[in-house]
Amino acid sequence: MSLRHALFAAYVLVCALSVTGVLFRDVQTRPGLVLGLPWGLAWVVGWALLTFVALVIFDATRPADGEEDAA
């Protein structure tokens, strides 16, 4: 497994744990609004946007055609 695959797998694990509530309960849980969204919804939307950015970076760093990815 290459380094970029390992880093992406670690990000996916952290993302899954934070969105499902394992890490979420340690974050601010008092009522409030973030950009007009309730805190819980803003938390999930934020992770969705971060995941989009991570996928763009993951795709941009892939080896060019003909190059070998260290697997």
C-alpha atoms as a PDB file:
ATOM      1  CA  MET A   1       0.000   0.000   0.000  1.00  0.00           C
ATOM      2  CA  SER A   2       1.433   3.361  -0.972  1.00  0.00           C
ATOM      3  CA  LEU A   3       1.720   6.296   1.399  1.00  0.00           C
ATOM      4  CA  ARG A   4      -1.102   8.190  -0.299  1.00  0.00           C
ATOM      5  CA  HIS A   5      -3.419   5.211   0.126  1.00  0.00           C
ATOM      6  CA  ALA A   6      -2.481   4.861   3.791  1.00  0.00           C
ATOM      7  CA  LEU A   7      -3.045   8.571   4.446  1.00  0.00           C
ATOM      8  CA  PHE A   8      -6.393   8.511   2.699  1.00  0.00           C
ATOM      9  CA  ALA A   9      -7.458   5.405   4.634  1.00  0.00           C
ATOM     10  CA  ALA A  10      -6.529   7.142   7.899  1.00  0.00           C
ATOM     11  CA  TYR A  11      -8.570  10.198   6.885  1.00  0.00           C
ATOM     12  CA  VAL A  12     -11.586   8.035   6.042  1.00  0.00           C
ATOM     13  CA  LEU A  13     -11.353   6.346   9.440  1.00  0.00           C
ATOM     14  CA  VAL A  14     -11.203   9.666  11.306  1.00  0.00           C
ATOM     15  CA  CYS A  15     -14.080  11.011   9.201  1.00  0.00           C
ATOM     16  CA  ALA A  16     -16.253   7.961   9.846  1.00  0.00           C
ATOM     17  CA  LEU A  17     -15.589   8.065  13.585  1.00  0.00           C
ATOM     18  CA  SER A  18     -16.338  11.773  13.857  1.00  0.00           C
ATOM     19  CA  VAL A  19     -19.557  11.712  11.831  1.00  0.00           C
ATOM     20  CA  THR A  20     -20.983   8.619  13.535  1.00  0.00           C
ATOM     21  CA  GLY A  21     -20.613  10.166  16.959  1.00  0.00           C
ATOM     22  CA  VAL A  22     -17.566   8.464  18.400  1.00  0.00           C
ATOM     23  CA  LEU A  23     -15.552  11.689  18.184  1.00  0.00           C
ATOM     24  CA  PHE A  24     -18.552  14.015  17.833  1.00  0.00           C
ATOM     25  CA  ARG A  25     -19.599  13.812  21.491  1.00  0.00           C
ATOM     26  CA  ASP A  26     -16.313  15.392  22.578  1.00  0.00           C
ATOM     27  CA  VAL A  27     -16.939  18.442  20.405  1.00  0.00           C
ATOM     28  CA  GLN A  28     -19.164  21.350  21.362  1.00  0.00           C
ATOM     29  CA  THR A  29     -22.714  20.041  21.766  1.00  0.00           C
ATOM     30  CA  ARG A  30     -24.508  23.060  23.174  1.00  0.00           C
ATOM     31  CA  PRO A  31     -27.251  24.546  20.998  1.00  0.00           C
ATOM     32  CA  GLY A  32     -26.125  27.088  18.479  1.00  0.00           C
ATOM     33  CA  LEU A  33     -26.069  28.008  14.831  1.00  0.00           C
ATOM     34  CA  VAL A  34     -23.178  27.894  12.389  1.00  0.00           C
ATOM     35  CA  LEU A  35     -23.914  29.821   9.190  1.00  0.00           C
ATOM     36  CA  GLY A  36     -27.616  29.375   9.957  1.00  0.00           C
ATOM     37  CA  LEU A  37     -27.385  25.598  10.402  1.00  0.00           C
ATOM     38  CA  PRO A  38     -27.809  23.759  13.689  1.00  0.00           C
ATOM     39  CA  TRP A  39     -24.439  22.667  15.105  1.00  0.00           C
ATOM     40  CA  GLY A  40     -24.960  18.942  14.400  1.00  0.00           C
ATOM     41  CA  LEU A  41     -25.866  19.528  10.765  1.00  0.00           C
ATOM     42  CA  ALA A  42     -23.003  21.995  10.290  1.00  0.00           C
ATOM     43  CA  TRP A  43     -20.620  19.340  11.690  1.00  0.00           C
ATOM     44  CA  VAL A  44     -21.734  16.747   9.125  1.00  0.00           C
ATOM     45  CA  VAL A  45     -21.753  19.231   6.230  1.00  0.00           C
ATOM     46  CA  GLY A  46     -18.252  20.354   7.194  1.00  0.00           C
ATOM     47  CA  TRP A  47     -16.956  16.776   7.100  1.00  0.00           C
ATOM     48  CA  ALA A  48     -18.658  16.239   3.735  1.00  0.00           C
ATOM     49  CA  LEU A  49     -16.872  19.297   2.326  1.00  0.00           C
ATOM     50  CA  LEU A  50     -13.560  18.147   3.811  1.00  0.00           C
ATOM     51  CA  THR A  51     -14.069  14.746   2.214  1.00  0.00           C
ATOM     52  CA  PHE A  52     -14.580  16.390  -1.169  1.00  0.00           C
ATOM     53  CA  VAL A  53     -11.302  18.276  -0.758  1.00  0.00           C
ATOM     54  CA  ALA A  54      -9.521  15.066   0.335  1.00  0.00           C
ATOM     55  CA  LEU A  55     -10.817  13.217  -2.727  1.00  0.00           C
ATOM     56  CA  VAL A  56      -9.662  16.006  -5.049  1.00  0.00           C
ATOM     57  CA  ILE A  57      -6.186  15.910  -3.490  1.00  0.00           C
ATOM     58  CA  PHE A  58      -6.132  12.099  -3.636  1.00  0.00           C
ATOM     59  CA  ASP A  59      -6.995  12.185  -7.338  1.00  0.00           C
ATOM     60  CA  ALA A  60      -4.552  14.995  -8.126  1.00  0.00           C
ATOM     61  CA  THR A  61      -1.642  13.087  -6.572  1.00  0.00           C
ATOM     62  CA  ARG A  62      -2.153   9.832  -8.458  1.00  0.00           C
ATOM     63  CA  PRO A  63       0.679   8.708 -10.703  1.00  0.00           C
ATOM     64  CA  ALA A  64       0.505   9.653 -14.361  1.00  0.00           C
ATOM     65  CA  ASP A  65      -0.417   7.007 -16.933  1.00  0.00           C
ATOM     66  CA  GLY A  66       2.480   4.673 -17.508  1.00  0.00           C
ATOM     67  CA  GLU A  67       4.024   5.319 -14.103  1.00  0.00           C
ATOM     68  CA  GLU A  68       3.898   2.611 -11.501  1.00  0.00           C
ATOM     69  CA  ASP A  69       2.151   3.225  -8.179  1.00  0.00           C
ATOM     70  CA  ALA A  70       4.156   1.663  -5.358  1.00  0.00           C
ATOM     71  CA  ALA A  71       1.702  -0.949  -4.179  1.00  0.00           C
END
